[in-house]
Structures are given as C-alpha cells and as structure tokens.
Amino acid sequence: MRAMILAAGRGERMRPLTDRVPKPLLEAGGKPLLQHHIERLVAGGVREMVINTCWLGEQIRAFAGDGSRFGASIAWSAEDPVLETAGGIKRALGMLGGDPFIVVNADVWSDFDYAALRGRCRDGALAHLVLVPNPSHHPRGDFALDRRGGLDLAGPVRFTFAGISVLSGALFDDVPDGPGPLAPVLRRHAGAVTGEIFRGLWFDIGTPARLAELDALLVDALP
C-alpha cells in the first residue's frame, strides 16, 4: 500500500513561523511534523510514499530526500501554483499505483495506526475517511456517518475529517486537472464513501498555539 502526504500548503495562519520554514518542517517533540508522518507510516507497514510540495518545497525535499534514512521510498510531486487537495492528488495519481492509497495532511498529528487502513476501499467504495470528535475550533464538524459506516450528508451528528483517508484513483475520474478541493468530490460520491471514528490523540496544527500545545505534549512524553 502506498501513501501520499499533502505538504504543499502555504500555512498562512502559522505566519510568521512559515515565512522562512515550510509548515511540514515545523517541529513538535524535537522533530518536524513531516518526520512524524513518515515514521508512523513506516511503522504501519507503508514504505512507498509521494509528497507534494509548493511553498519552500526545496527545503522539504532536502530534508526527506529519497526517504531511505527513514526506511521509506519517497517520490516527489512539485506544484506551482499550489493545486489544493484534490488537484494535488490528481496530479500525483501516476505515482500512486493502481490500488487504493492512504492520504494524510502534513499539518495534522495523530497516534492513529496506519496499519488499520489496509483493506479499505473494497466492494466498490471510492474513499474511506477517518473522522474525529469535533475540536473546539471546529464545533460543527464535516461529515456524518450512517449506521453502516457510510457517509450521510443529512446526518445530524457530524464529526471532523481528520485529514487521514484511503482513496481510490477512480474517485478522481471526473475531477479536472488544475486546482480544486477534496470535500466537494467526496460529497459528490457520498454513496461510495465510508468512514470510521477515531477517538485517540489528534491535533490540527492550524495555529502557533496548537503547535505549542502538541510540542508540550510530546516533550512531556519523551523518556
């Protein structure tokens, strides 16, 4: 199984931290956010990865290289301008193989076990989303699930998309080349989208304060 790490964003809300350092290389617990993702993917048995870049992308590529020092194999998808989530994935499909693949946002952190995603997107499913209880900064959530774990656009109880998913390349058959977000694509194919609720540790690193909170948590956990 392969994975794509979305690392092309500018990180406007993280400024001035991201004026000189790309958001995926901001550190928490003594290592860059990107390194956390690569190491957790490898621990979950996922070693072939694609990383897309745009803002200060040369720094990201210089840090991770071919991935060998992490036990991974990394391919790179450079964007200029940034293609957003759906556009970036569409551009990289040729490097992700024909099987469903994991996608993770570089600006989240979680202790989610990526090995648990093996075998998702079967029996006609085009996407499988990991959802979390709504954090205080996003109280309305994003998606609801029905009793069978299918996406329910009318469901009253919504959860927040964790930025972790398994996607099939077929999900992007009707997505044009160029910039575009992922959420409308998922809603358009809601009948072929499943999900699960994760109640472990999860952080959306959207502000310097949230980065500091995560850093404190990880530093406290160090031996």
C-alpha atoms as a PDB file:
ATOM      1  CA  MET A   1       0.000   0.000   0.000  1.00  0.00           C
ATOM      2  CA  ARG A   2       1.283   3.468  -0.863  1.00  0.00           C
ATOM      3  CA  ALA A   3       0.639   6.833   0.772  1.00  0.00           C
ATOM      4  CA  MET A   4       0.593  10.494  -0.166  1.00  0.00           C
ATOM      5  CA  ILE A   5       1.491  13.239   2.292  1.00  0.00           C
ATOM      6  CA  LEU A   6      -0.023  16.609   1.392  1.00  0.00           C
ATOM      7  CA  ALA A   7       2.704  19.159   2.108  1.00  0.00           C
ATOM      8  CA  ALA A   8       2.218  21.911  -0.482  1.00  0.00           C
ATOM      9  CA  GLY A   9       0.247  24.483   1.540  1.00  0.00           C
ATOM     10  CA  ARG A  10       1.491  27.949   2.452  1.00  0.00           C
ATOM     11  CA  GLY A  11       0.439  27.820   6.113  1.00  0.00           C
ATOM     12  CA  GLU A  12      -0.911  31.380   6.261  1.00  0.00           C
ATOM     13  CA  ARG A  13      -2.338  31.000   9.771  1.00  0.00           C
ATOM     14  CA  MET A  14       1.065  29.864  11.031  1.00  0.00           C
ATOM     15  CA  ARG A  15       2.861  33.033   9.999  1.00  0.00           C
ATOM     16  CA  PRO A  16       5.399  34.334  10.864  1.00  0.00           C
ATOM     17  CA  LEU A  17       6.661  30.788  11.620  1.00  0.00           C
ATOM     18  CA  THR A  18       6.103  29.738   7.998  1.00  0.00           C
ATOM     19  CA  ASP A  19       7.686  32.785   6.374  1.00  0.00           C
ATOM     20  CA  ARG A  20      11.055  31.018   6.274  1.00  0.00           C
ATOM     21  CA  VAL A  21      10.218  27.428   7.235  1.00  0.00           C
ATOM     22  CA  PRO A  22       7.565  25.372   5.412  1.00  0.00           C
ATOM     23  CA  LYS A  23       4.786  24.174   7.685  1.00  0.00           C
ATOM     24  CA  PRO A  24       5.652  20.450   7.374  1.00  0.00           C
ATOM     25  CA  LEU A  25       9.119  21.190   8.798  1.00  0.00           C
ATOM     26  CA  LEU A  26       7.886  22.974  11.921  1.00  0.00           C
ATOM     27  CA  GLU A  27       8.945  20.915  14.908  1.00  0.00           C
ATOM     28  CA  ALA A  28       6.979  19.271  17.701  1.00  0.00           C
ATOM     29  CA  GLY A  29       8.602  16.980  20.221  1.00  0.00           C
ATOM     30  CA  GLY A  30      12.039  17.593  18.724  1.00  0.00           C
ATOM     31  CA  LYS A  31      11.288  16.567  15.149  1.00  0.00           C
ATOM     32  CA  PRO A  32       9.478  18.048  12.117  1.00  0.00           C
ATOM     33  CA  LEU A  33       5.805  17.257  11.596  1.00  0.00           C
ATOM     34  CA  LEU A  34       6.718  15.590   8.295  1.00  0.00           C
ATOM     35  CA  GLN A  35       9.084  13.201  10.038  1.00  0.00           C
ATOM     36  CA  HIS A  36       6.342  12.150  12.451  1.00  0.00           C
ATOM     37  CA  HIS A  37       4.165  11.186   9.466  1.00  0.00           C
ATOM     38  CA  ILE A  38       6.883   9.306   7.607  1.00  0.00           C
ATOM     39  CA  GLU A  39       7.889   7.339  10.694  1.00  0.00           C
ATOM     40  CA  ARG A  40       4.304   6.429  11.614  1.00  0.00           C
ATOM     41  CA  LEU A  41       3.542   5.326   8.059  1.00  0.00           C
ATOM     42  CA  VAL A  42       6.650   3.128   8.001  1.00  0.00           C
ATOM     43  CA  ALA A  43       5.670   1.700  11.402  1.00  0.00           C
ATOM     44  CA  GLY A  44       2.294   0.840   9.871  1.00  0.00           C
ATOM     45  CA  GLY A  45       3.944  -1.047   7.040  1.00  0.00           C
ATOM     46  CA  VAL A  46       3.677   1.714   4.424  1.00  0.00           C
ATOM     47  CA  ARG A  47       7.042   2.473   2.854  1.00  0.00           C
ATOM     48  CA  GLU A  48       6.258   3.849  -0.620  1.00  0.00           C
ATOM     49  CA  MET A  49       5.192   7.486  -0.416  1.00  0.00           C
ATOM     50  CA  VAL A  50       4.552  10.535  -2.567  1.00  0.00           C
ATOM     51  CA  ILE A  51       4.920  14.023  -1.102  1.00  0.00           C
ATOM     52  CA  ASN A  52       3.656  17.097  -2.939  1.00  0.00           C
ATOM     53  CA  THR A  53       5.318  20.464  -2.435  1.00  0.00           C
ATOM     54  CA  CYS A  54       4.985  24.090  -3.409  1.00  0.00           C
ATOM     55  CA  TRP A  55       5.843  26.752  -0.806  1.00  0.00           C
ATOM     56  CA  LEU A  56       9.533  26.373   0.140  1.00  0.00           C
ATOM     57  CA  GLY A  57       9.364  22.907  -1.363  1.00  0.00           C
ATOM     58  CA  GLU A  58      13.119  22.720  -1.841  1.00  0.00           C
ATOM     59  CA  GLN A  59      13.550  22.707   1.945  1.00  0.00           C
ATOM     60  CA  ILE A  60      11.109  19.827   2.332  1.00  0.00           C
ATOM     61  CA  ARG A  61      12.799  17.790  -0.366  1.00  0.00           C
ATOM     62  CA  ALA A  62      16.249  18.485   1.072  1.00  0.00           C
ATOM     63  CA  PHE A  63      15.072  17.248   4.473  1.00  0.00           C
ATOM     64  CA  ALA A  64      13.431  13.978   3.408  1.00  0.00           C
ATOM     65  CA  GLY A  65      15.387  13.168   0.262  1.00  0.00           C
ATOM     66  CA  ASP A  66      14.600   9.749  -1.151  1.00  0.00           C
ATOM     67  CA  GLY A  67      13.293   8.607   2.250  1.00  0.00           C
ATOM     68  CA  SER A  68      15.919   5.915   2.721  1.00  0.00           C
ATOM     69  CA  ARG A  69      17.126   7.223   6.077  1.00  0.00           C
ATOM     70  CA  PHE A  70      13.595   6.664   7.398  1.00  0.00           C
ATOM     71  CA  GLY A  71      13.222   3.244   5.805  1.00  0.00           C
ATOM     72  CA  ALA A  72      10.914   4.695   3.141  1.00  0.00           C
ATOM     73  CA  SER A  73      10.944   5.327  -0.595  1.00  0.00           C
ATOM     74  CA  ILE A  74       9.743   8.852  -1.433  1.00  0.00           C
ATOM     75  CA  ALA A  75       8.687  10.268  -4.806  1.00  0.00           C
ATOM     76  CA  TRP A  76       8.048  13.981  -5.239  1.00  0.00           C
ATOM     77  CA  SER A  77       5.257  15.934  -6.926  1.00  0.00           C
ATOM     78  CA  ALA A  78       6.157  19.602  -7.319  1.00  0.00           C
ATOM     79  CA  GLU A  79       3.368  22.147  -7.811  1.00  0.00           C
ATOM     80  CA  ASP A  80       3.473  25.751  -8.995  1.00  0.00           C
ATOM     81  CA  PRO A  81       0.931  27.115  -8.313  1.00  0.00           C
ATOM     82  CA  VAL A  82      -0.450  25.011  -5.477  1.00  0.00           C
ATOM     83  CA  LEU A  83      -3.200  22.655  -6.688  1.00  0.00           C
ATOM     84  CA  GLU A  84      -5.156  22.263  -3.410  1.00  0.00           C
ATOM     85  CA  THR A  85      -6.116  18.842  -2.108  1.00  0.00           C
ATOM     86  CA  ALA A  86      -7.987  17.188  -4.980  1.00  0.00           C
ATOM     87  CA  GLY A  87      -5.826  18.827  -7.628  1.00  0.00           C
ATOM     88  CA  GLY A  88      -2.621  17.741  -5.926  1.00  0.00           C
ATOM     89  CA  ILE A  89      -3.769  14.142  -5.587  1.00  0.00           C
ATOM     90  CA  LYS A  90      -4.991  14.072  -9.196  1.00  0.00           C
ATOM     91  CA  ARG A  91      -1.567  15.273 -10.377  1.00  0.00           C
ATOM     92  CA  ALA A  92       0.208  12.516  -8.409  1.00  0.00           C
ATOM     93  CA  LEU A  93      -2.016   9.546  -9.362  1.00  0.00           C
ATOM     94  CA  GLY A  94       0.556   8.144 -11.763  1.00  0.00           C
ATOM     95  CA  MET A  95       2.998   7.717  -8.867  1.00  0.00           C
ATOM     96  CA  LEU A  96       0.471   6.102  -6.506  1.00  0.00           C
ATOM     97  CA  GLY A  97      -0.160   2.867  -8.383  1.00  0.00           C
ATOM     98  CA  GLY A  98      -3.472   1.255  -9.186  1.00  0.00           C
ATOM     99  CA  ASP A  99      -4.543   0.228  -5.672  1.00  0.00           C
ATOM    100  CA  PRO A 100      -6.230   2.420  -3.043  1.00  0.00           C
ATOM    101  CA  PHE A 101      -3.738   4.614  -1.208  1.00  0.00           C
ATOM    102  CA  ILE A 102      -3.518   6.471   2.094  1.00  0.00           C
ATOM    103  CA  VAL A 103      -3.631  10.271   2.065  1.00  0.00           C
ATOM    104  CA  VAL A 104      -2.600  12.289   5.110  1.00  0.00           C
ATOM    105  CA  ASN A 105      -2.404  16.049   5.610  1.00  0.00           C
ATOM    106  CA  ALA A 106       1.050  17.150   6.727  1.00  0.00           C
ATOM    107  CA  ASP A 107      -0.471  19.697   9.125  1.00  0.00           C
ATOM    108  CA  VAL A 108      -2.141  17.185  11.454  1.00  0.00           C
ATOM    109  CA  TRP A 109      -0.649  14.916  14.102  1.00  0.00           C
ATOM    110  CA  SER A 110      -2.177  11.730  15.457  1.00  0.00           C
ATOM    111  CA  ASP A 111      -1.275   8.437  17.103  1.00  0.00           C
ATOM    112  CA  PHE A 112      -3.578   6.697  14.609  1.00  0.00           C
ATOM    113  CA  ASP A 113      -2.270   3.280  13.487  1.00  0.00           C
ATOM    114  CA  TYR A 114      -1.994   3.393   9.696  1.00  0.00           C
ATOM    115  CA  ALA A 115      -1.854  -0.403   9.536  1.00  0.00           C
ATOM    116  CA  ALA A 116      -5.575  -0.347  10.385  1.00  0.00           C
ATOM    117  CA  LEU A 117      -6.320   1.147   6.954  1.00  0.00           C
ATOM    118  CA  ARG A 118      -5.206  -1.887   4.965  1.00  0.00           C
ATOM    119  CA  GLY A 119      -8.063  -3.419   3.036  1.00  0.00           C
ATOM    120  CA  ARG A 120     -10.213  -0.291   2.972  1.00  0.00           C
ATOM    121  CA  CYS A 121     -11.947   0.920  -0.217  1.00  0.00           C
ATOM    122  CA  ARG A 122     -13.169  -2.516  -1.253  1.00  0.00           C
ATOM    123  CA  ASP A 123     -16.516  -3.648  -2.667  1.00  0.00           C
ATOM    124  CA  GLY A 124     -16.995  -0.532  -4.777  1.00  0.00           C
ATOM    125  CA  ALA A 125     -16.015   2.060  -2.163  1.00  0.00           C
ATOM    126  CA  LEU A 126     -14.113   5.039  -3.553  1.00  0.00           C
ATOM    127  CA  ALA A 127     -12.982   6.548  -0.260  1.00  0.00           C
ATOM    128  CA  HIS A 128     -12.691   5.748   3.430  1.00  0.00           C
ATOM    129  CA  LEU A 129     -12.379   8.665   5.855  1.00  0.00           C
ATOM    130  CA  VAL A 130     -11.017   8.821   9.381  1.00  0.00           C
ATOM    131  CA  LEU A 131     -13.177  11.172  11.457  1.00  0.00           C
ATOM    132  CA  VAL A 132     -12.614  12.527  14.962  1.00  0.00           C
ATOM    133  CA  PRO A 133     -14.823  14.180  17.612  1.00  0.00           C
ATOM    134  CA  ASN A 134     -15.160  17.876  16.859  1.00  0.00           C
ATOM    135  CA  PRO A 135     -12.440  20.058  18.410  1.00  0.00           C
ATOM    136  CA  SER A 136     -13.370  23.383  19.986  1.00  0.00           C
ATOM    137  CA  HIS A 137     -12.155  25.337  16.952  1.00  0.00           C
ATOM    138  CA  HIS A 138     -14.396  23.316  14.582  1.00  0.00           C
ATOM    139  CA  PRO A 139     -17.587  22.573  16.542  1.00  0.00           C
ATOM    140  CA  ARG A 140     -19.871  21.944  13.543  1.00  0.00           C
ATOM    141  CA  GLY A 141     -17.779  19.121  12.109  1.00  0.00           C
ATOM    142  CA  ASP A 142     -17.650  17.988   8.477  1.00  0.00           C
ATOM    143  CA  PHE A 143     -19.367  14.646   7.887  1.00  0.00           C
ATOM    144  CA  ALA A 144     -21.897  12.296   9.464  1.00  0.00           C
ATOM    145  CA  LEU A 145     -21.995   8.509   9.174  1.00  0.00           C
ATOM    146  CA  ASP A 146     -24.967   6.200   8.926  1.00  0.00           C
ATOM    147  CA  ARG A 147     -25.330   3.008  10.952  1.00  0.00           C
ATOM    148  CA  ARG A 148     -23.337   1.025   8.421  1.00  0.00           C
ATOM    149  CA  GLY A 149     -20.439   3.472   8.363  1.00  0.00           C
ATOM    150  CA  GLY A 150     -21.437   5.148   5.095  1.00  0.00           C
ATOM    151  CA  LEU A 151     -21.237   8.885   4.543  1.00  0.00           C
ATOM    152  CA  ASP A 152     -24.554  10.521   5.448  1.00  0.00           C
ATOM    153  CA  LEU A 153     -24.854  14.061   4.098  1.00  0.00           C
ATOM    154  CA  ALA A 154     -28.070  14.672   6.049  1.00  0.00           C
ATOM    155  CA  GLY A 155     -26.961  13.115   9.337  1.00  0.00           C
ATOM    156  CA  PRO A 156     -27.476  15.330  12.396  1.00  0.00           C
ATOM    157  CA  VAL A 157     -24.333  14.260  14.279  1.00  0.00           C
ATOM    158  CA  ARG A 158     -21.240  15.387  12.439  1.00  0.00           C
ATOM    159  CA  PHE A 159     -17.601  14.622  13.054  1.00  0.00           C
ATOM    160  CA  THR A 160     -14.439  16.348  11.866  1.00  0.00           C
ATOM    161  CA  PHE A 161     -12.410  14.949   8.993  1.00  0.00           C
ATOM    162  CA  ALA A 162      -9.013  14.037  10.473  1.00  0.00           C
ATOM    163  CA  GLY A 163      -7.078  14.641   7.263  1.00  0.00           C
ATOM    164  CA  ILE A 164      -6.437  10.886   7.066  1.00  0.00           C
ATOM    165  CA  SER A 165      -8.108   8.734   4.424  1.00  0.00           C
ATOM    166  CA  VAL A 166      -7.834   5.896   1.958  1.00  0.00           C
ATOM    167  CA  LEU A 167      -8.761   6.898  -1.577  1.00  0.00           C
ATOM    168  CA  SER A 168      -9.223   5.073  -4.856  1.00  0.00           C
ATOM    169  CA  GLY A 169      -7.866   6.598  -8.027  1.00  0.00           C
ATOM    170  CA  ALA A 170     -11.330   6.163  -9.561  1.00  0.00           C
ATOM    171  CA  LEU A 171     -12.607   8.869  -7.199  1.00  0.00           C
ATOM    172  CA  PHE A 172     -10.825  11.382  -9.419  1.00  0.00           C
ATOM    173  CA  ASP A 173     -12.141  10.199 -12.786  1.00  0.00           C
ATOM    174  CA  ASP A 174     -14.469  13.214 -13.013  1.00  0.00           C
ATOM    175  CA  VAL A 175     -12.021  15.692 -11.441  1.00  0.00           C
ATOM    176  CA  PRO A 176     -10.487  18.090 -13.989  1.00  0.00           C
ATOM    177  CA  ASP A 177      -6.795  18.880 -13.959  1.00  0.00           C
ATOM    178  CA  GLY A 178      -5.941  22.009 -12.008  1.00  0.00           C
ATOM    179  CA  PRO A 179      -6.617  23.402  -8.526  1.00  0.00           C
ATOM    180  CA  GLY A 180      -9.529  22.068  -6.529  1.00  0.00           C
ATOM    181  CA  PRO A 181     -10.540  20.956  -3.001  1.00  0.00           C
ATOM    182  CA  LEU A 182     -11.359  17.390  -1.958  1.00  0.00           C
ATOM    183  CA  ALA A 183     -14.545  17.911   0.077  1.00  0.00           C
ATOM    184  CA  PRO A 184     -16.866  18.570  -2.926  1.00  0.00           C
ATOM    185  CA  VAL A 185     -15.536  15.423  -4.617  1.00  0.00           C
ATOM    186  CA  LEU A 186     -16.325  13.344  -1.528  1.00  0.00           C
ATOM    187  CA  ARG A 187     -19.829  14.797  -1.271  1.00  0.00           C
ATOM    188  CA  ARG A 188     -20.468  14.163  -4.964  1.00  0.00           C
ATOM    189  CA  HIS A 189     -19.646  10.477  -4.468  1.00  0.00           C
ATOM    190  CA  ALA A 190     -21.112  10.160  -0.959  1.00  0.00           C
ATOM    191  CA  GLY A 191     -22.800   6.844  -1.756  1.00  0.00           C
ATOM    192  CA  ALA A 192     -19.379   5.253  -2.311  1.00  0.00           C
ATOM    193  CA  VAL A 193     -17.664   6.789   0.740  1.00  0.00           C
ATOM    194  CA  THR A 194     -17.266   5.065   4.112  1.00  0.00           C
ATOM    195  CA  GLY A 195     -15.746   6.239   7.377  1.00  0.00           C
ATOM    196  CA  GLU A 196     -14.736   5.411  10.921  1.00  0.00           C
ATOM    197  CA  ILE A 197     -14.487   7.378  14.160  1.00  0.00           C
ATOM    198  CA  PHE A 198     -11.071   7.638  15.794  1.00  0.00           C
ATOM    199  CA  ARG A 199     -11.024   8.692  19.445  1.00  0.00           C
ATOM    200  CA  GLY A 200      -7.294   8.701  20.086  1.00  0.00           C
ATOM    201  CA  LEU A 201      -4.889  11.632  20.050  1.00  0.00           C
ATOM    202  CA  TRP A 202      -5.327  14.043  17.146  1.00  0.00           C
ATOM    203  CA  PHE A 203      -4.188  17.616  16.561  1.00  0.00           C
ATOM    204  CA  ASP A 204      -4.946  20.020  13.735  1.00  0.00           C
ATOM    205  CA  ILE A 205      -1.790  22.156  13.629  1.00  0.00           C
ATOM    206  CA  GLY A 206      -3.532  25.258  12.317  1.00  0.00           C
ATOM    207  CA  THR A 207      -2.106  27.915  14.630  1.00  0.00           C
ATOM    208  CA  PRO A 208       1.137  28.534  16.537  1.00  0.00           C
ATOM    209  CA  ALA A 209      -0.758  27.933  19.790  1.00  0.00           C
ATOM    210  CA  ARG A 210      -1.839  24.454  18.675  1.00  0.00           C
ATOM    211  CA  LEU A 211       1.706  23.647  17.588  1.00  0.00           C
ATOM    212  CA  ALA A 212       2.962  24.701  21.024  1.00  0.00           C
ATOM    213  CA  GLU A 213       0.309  22.520  22.692  1.00  0.00           C
ATOM    214  CA  LEU A 214       1.401  19.493  20.696  1.00  0.00           C
ATOM    215  CA  ASP A 215       5.063  20.204  21.350  1.00  0.00           C
ATOM    216  CA  ALA A 216       4.452  20.344  25.105  1.00  0.00           C
ATOM    217  CA  LEU A 217       2.555  17.036  24.988  1.00  0.00           C
ATOM    218  CA  LEU A 218       5.290  15.251  23.039  1.00  0.00           C
ATOM    219  CA  VAL A 219       8.138  16.711  25.096  1.00  0.00           C
ATOM    220  CA  ASP A 220       6.436  15.542  28.296  1.00  0.00           C
ATOM    221  CA  ALA A 221       6.173  12.045  26.816  1.00  0.00           C
ATOM    222  CA  LEU A 222       9.893  11.818  25.996  1.00  0.00           C
ATOM    223  CA  PRO A 223      11.908   9.405  28.164  1.00  0.00           C
END
